[in-house]
N, C-alpha and C. Protein backbone atom coordinates (compact mmCIF):
# COMPACT_ATOMS: atom_id res chain seq x y z
N MET A 1 42.81 -38.45 125.99
CA MET A 1 43.14 -38.95 127.24
C MET A 1 43.44 -40.92 126.56
N LYS A 2 44.29 -41.30 127.45
CA LYS A 2 44.27 -42.95 126.66
C LYS A 2 43.50 -43.57 127.17
N ILE A 3 43.10 -44.81 126.93
CA ILE A 3 42.05 -46.07 127.40
C ILE A 3 42.42 -46.10 129.12
N GLY A 4 43.65 -46.50 129.54
CA GLY A 4 44.75 -46.49 130.55
C GLY A 4 44.22 -45.38 132.07
N GLU A 5 44.40 -44.05 131.26
CA GLU A 5 43.89 -42.87 131.98
C GLU A 5 42.40 -43.16 132.15
N VAL A 6 41.84 -43.55 131.59
CA VAL A 6 40.49 -43.53 131.51
C VAL A 6 40.43 -44.25 132.78
N ILE A 7 40.49 -45.91 132.22
CA ILE A 7 40.44 -46.12 133.70
C ILE A 7 40.41 -46.23 135.09
N ALA A 8 41.40 -45.75 134.88
CA ALA A 8 41.90 -45.36 136.23
C ALA A 8 41.59 -44.24 136.91
N ARG A 9 41.05 -42.87 136.25
CA ARG A 9 39.65 -42.43 136.75
C ARG A 9 38.90 -42.69 137.30
N ALA A 10 38.02 -43.38 135.91
CA ALA A 10 36.95 -43.89 136.11
C ALA A 10 36.92 -44.71 137.76
N ARG A 11 37.78 -45.63 137.96
CA ARG A 11 38.74 -46.71 138.90
C ARG A 11 38.87 -45.49 139.64
N ARG A 12 38.61 -44.25 139.79
CA ARG A 12 38.82 -43.78 141.66
C ARG A 12 37.95 -42.54 141.68
N ALA A 13 36.86 -42.32 141.06
CA ALA A 13 36.14 -41.73 140.89
C ALA A 13 34.38 -42.17 141.89
N ALA A 14 34.81 -44.02 140.81
CA ALA A 14 33.90 -44.21 141.66
C ALA A 14 34.00 -45.27 143.23
N GLY A 15 35.89 -45.10 143.83
CA GLY A 15 36.09 -45.47 145.12
C GLY A 15 36.41 -46.82 144.69
N LEU A 16 37.14 -47.47 143.53
CA LEU A 16 37.50 -48.69 143.84
C LEU A 16 38.57 -49.06 143.95
N LYS A 17 39.40 -49.98 144.57
CA LYS A 17 40.92 -49.77 144.63
C LYS A 17 41.28 -50.71 142.76
N GLN A 18 42.48 -51.17 142.71
CA GLN A 18 42.31 -52.14 141.47
C GLN A 18 42.48 -53.72 142.26
N LYS A 19 42.90 -54.10 143.34
CA LYS A 19 42.47 -55.51 143.11
C LYS A 19 40.26 -55.49 143.47
N GLU A 20 39.71 -53.96 143.67
CA GLU A 20 38.59 -54.49 143.44
C GLU A 20 38.03 -55.17 142.27
N LEU A 21 38.80 -53.64 141.89
CA LEU A 21 37.81 -53.50 139.75
C LEU A 21 38.22 -54.62 139.34
N ALA A 22 39.69 -55.52 139.39
CA ALA A 22 40.18 -55.93 138.73
C ALA A 22 39.58 -58.01 139.23
N ALA A 23 38.74 -57.32 140.09
CA ALA A 23 37.94 -58.93 140.58
C ALA A 23 37.23 -58.84 140.30
N ALA A 24 36.12 -57.65 139.92
CA ALA A 24 34.62 -57.88 139.76
C ALA A 24 35.12 -57.77 138.76
N ALA A 25 36.23 -57.44 137.20
CA ALA A 25 35.90 -57.62 135.65
C ALA A 25 36.64 -59.07 135.92
N GLY A 26 37.02 -59.70 136.23
CA GLY A 26 37.70 -61.51 135.82
C GLY A 26 39.06 -61.00 135.26
N VAL A 27 39.71 -59.84 135.89
CA VAL A 27 41.05 -60.30 135.58
C VAL A 27 42.00 -59.55 136.23
N HIS A 28 42.89 -59.83 135.98
CA HIS A 28 44.68 -60.28 136.53
C HIS A 28 44.74 -58.90 137.12
N VAL A 29 45.05 -58.41 138.51
CA VAL A 29 45.57 -57.41 139.13
C VAL A 29 47.01 -57.04 138.57
N GLN A 30 47.88 -57.16 138.41
CA GLN A 30 48.89 -56.91 137.10
C GLN A 30 48.45 -56.47 135.55
N THR A 31 47.29 -56.98 135.41
CA THR A 31 46.70 -56.23 134.16
C THR A 31 46.39 -55.01 133.92
N LEU A 32 45.89 -55.04 135.25
CA LEU A 32 45.04 -53.91 135.51
C LEU A 32 46.24 -52.61 135.67
N LYS A 33 46.87 -52.88 136.69
CA LYS A 33 48.02 -51.48 136.85
C LYS A 33 48.67 -51.46 135.45
N ARG A 34 49.03 -52.54 134.08
CA ARG A 34 49.87 -52.57 133.41
C ARG A 34 49.09 -51.54 132.60
N LEU A 35 48.03 -51.87 132.51
CA LEU A 35 47.40 -50.62 131.42
C LEU A 35 47.06 -49.54 131.70
N GLU A 36 47.02 -49.24 133.67
CA GLU A 36 46.34 -47.93 134.03
C GLU A 36 48.18 -46.76 133.94
N GLY A 37 49.26 -47.55 133.77
CA GLY A 37 50.63 -47.82 133.72
C GLY A 37 50.38 -47.17 132.30
N GLY A 38 49.94 -47.15 131.40
CA GLY A 38 50.35 -46.64 129.83
C GLY A 38 50.85 -48.09 129.18
N GLY A 39 50.21 -49.76 129.63
CA GLY A 39 50.66 -50.43 128.96
C GLY A 39 49.38 -51.07 127.49
N GLY A 40 49.81 -52.17 126.96
CA GLY A 40 48.35 -52.70 126.54
C GLY A 40 47.72 -53.38 127.00
N ALA A 41 46.85 -53.21 126.35
CA ALA A 41 45.65 -55.13 127.17
C ALA A 41 44.37 -55.53 125.61
N GLY A 42 44.20 -56.91 126.24
CA GLY A 42 43.22 -57.10 124.81
C GLY A 42 41.75 -56.38 125.38
N TYR A 43 41.84 -56.77 124.22
CA TYR A 43 39.99 -55.40 123.87
C TYR A 43 38.94 -56.36 124.56
N SER A 44 39.51 -57.50 124.56
CA SER A 44 38.64 -58.71 125.98
C SER A 44 38.19 -58.17 127.43
N THR A 45 39.88 -57.86 127.95
CA THR A 45 40.18 -57.19 129.15
C THR A 45 40.20 -55.95 128.96
N VAL A 46 39.94 -54.55 127.44
CA VAL A 46 38.92 -53.84 128.28
C VAL A 46 37.72 -53.57 128.19
N ARG A 47 37.37 -54.38 127.93
CA ARG A 47 35.55 -54.65 127.32
C ARG A 47 35.02 -54.98 128.66
N ALA A 48 35.84 -55.94 129.59
CA ALA A 48 35.81 -56.32 131.04
C ALA A 48 35.65 -55.24 132.08
N LEU A 49 36.47 -54.23 132.29
CA LEU A 49 36.76 -53.54 132.62
C LEU A 49 35.74 -52.16 132.24
N GLU A 50 35.13 -52.20 131.35
CA GLU A 50 34.19 -51.27 130.90
C GLU A 50 32.78 -51.80 131.54
N LYS A 51 32.72 -53.39 131.22
CA LYS A 51 31.36 -53.75 131.99
C LYS A 51 31.46 -53.16 133.44
N ALA A 52 32.38 -53.75 134.24
CA ALA A 52 32.60 -53.25 135.32
C ALA A 52 32.77 -52.18 135.83
N LEU A 53 33.49 -51.20 135.45
CA LEU A 53 32.74 -49.73 135.61
C LEU A 53 31.41 -49.27 135.46
N GLY A 54 30.91 -50.01 135.02
CA GLY A 54 29.29 -49.35 134.01
C GLY A 54 28.60 -49.99 135.20
N LYS A 55 28.87 -50.89 135.78
CA LYS A 55 27.60 -50.96 137.11
C LYS A 55 27.91 -50.25 138.16
N ALA A 56 29.42 -49.21 138.31
CA ALA A 56 29.86 -48.29 139.32
C ALA A 56 29.45 -47.64 139.02
N GLY A 57 28.45 -46.83 137.77
CA GLY A 57 28.68 -45.95 136.88
C GLY A 57 29.01 -44.87 135.72
N ALA A 58 30.54 -45.23 135.91
CA ALA A 58 31.69 -45.06 135.23
C ALA A 58 31.56 -45.53 133.88
N SER A 59 31.54 -44.17 132.29
CA SER A 59 31.23 -44.95 130.74
C SER A 59 32.68 -43.87 130.34
N TRP A 60 32.49 -43.99 129.23
CA TRP A 60 33.33 -43.42 128.37
C TRP A 60 33.26 -43.49 126.93
N THR A 61 33.43 -43.21 126.23
CA THR A 61 33.26 -42.95 124.98
C THR A 61 34.46 -42.31 123.75
N GLU A 62 34.73 -42.67 122.26
CA GLU A 62 35.66 -42.84 122.59
C GLU A 62 35.15 -41.46 121.38
N THR A 63 36.83 -40.75 121.45
CA THR A 63 36.28 -38.92 120.18
C THR A 63 37.43 -39.24 119.45
N ASP A 64 37.68 -37.88 118.50
CA ASP A 64 39.04 -37.92 117.79
C ASP A 64 39.92 -38.37 118.62
N ASP A 65 40.01 -37.14 119.47
CA ASP A 65 41.37 -36.97 120.41
C ASP A 65 41.13 -38.34 121.20
N GLY A 66 41.16 -38.93 121.85
CA GLY A 66 41.17 -39.69 122.66
C GLY A 66 40.21 -40.56 123.67
N PHE A 67 39.88 -40.43 124.31
CA PHE A 67 38.28 -40.49 124.92
C PHE A 67 38.15 -40.04 126.02
N GLU A 68 36.51 -39.85 126.50
CA GLU A 68 35.54 -38.43 126.98
C GLU A 68 34.74 -39.84 128.63
N LEU A 69 35.50 -39.58 129.51
CA LEU A 69 35.08 -40.08 130.71
C LEU A 69 33.38 -39.17 131.37
N ARG A 70 32.70 -40.18 131.51
CA ARG A 70 31.34 -39.46 132.19
C ARG A 70 31.33 -40.68 133.24
N VAL A 71 31.20 -40.31 134.61
CA VAL A 71 30.70 -40.99 135.93
C VAL A 71 29.59 -40.42 136.36
N SER A 72 28.62 -40.96 136.56
CA SER A 72 27.59 -40.74 137.55
C SER A 72 27.33 -42.51 138.85
N LEU A 73 28.14 -41.42 139.75
CA LEU A 73 27.74 -42.40 141.28
C LEU A 73 26.80 -42.43 141.72
N LYS A 74 25.83 -43.31 142.44
CA LYS A 74 24.92 -43.52 142.53
C LYS A 74 25.51 -42.76 144.54
N SER A 75 24.54 -42.59 145.18
CA SER A 75 24.99 -41.77 146.62
C SER A 75 24.66 -43.67 147.30
N LYS A 76 25.88 -42.37 147.77
CA LYS A 76 25.76 -44.07 149.48
C LYS A 76 24.34 -44.06 150.17
N LYS A 77 23.92 -44.63 150.25
CA LYS A 77 22.40 -44.66 151.85
C LYS A 77 23.12 -44.84 153.49
């Protein structure tokens, strides 16, 4: 799994729209769309998205085959 796919899956699992995640991470929504679509992004962009998704309970680790996604979402009361 590529990092863009991991971010897209984590975003959807967290119930966030692209615009919401981009705003939370401080990146342009077009950058997020490009990354999720298979394009590249800089290290700082990926780390900003990772931090924003981490606050929503999503994280991932790099493996030999790509990335492994873990999502632990808080229940909404």
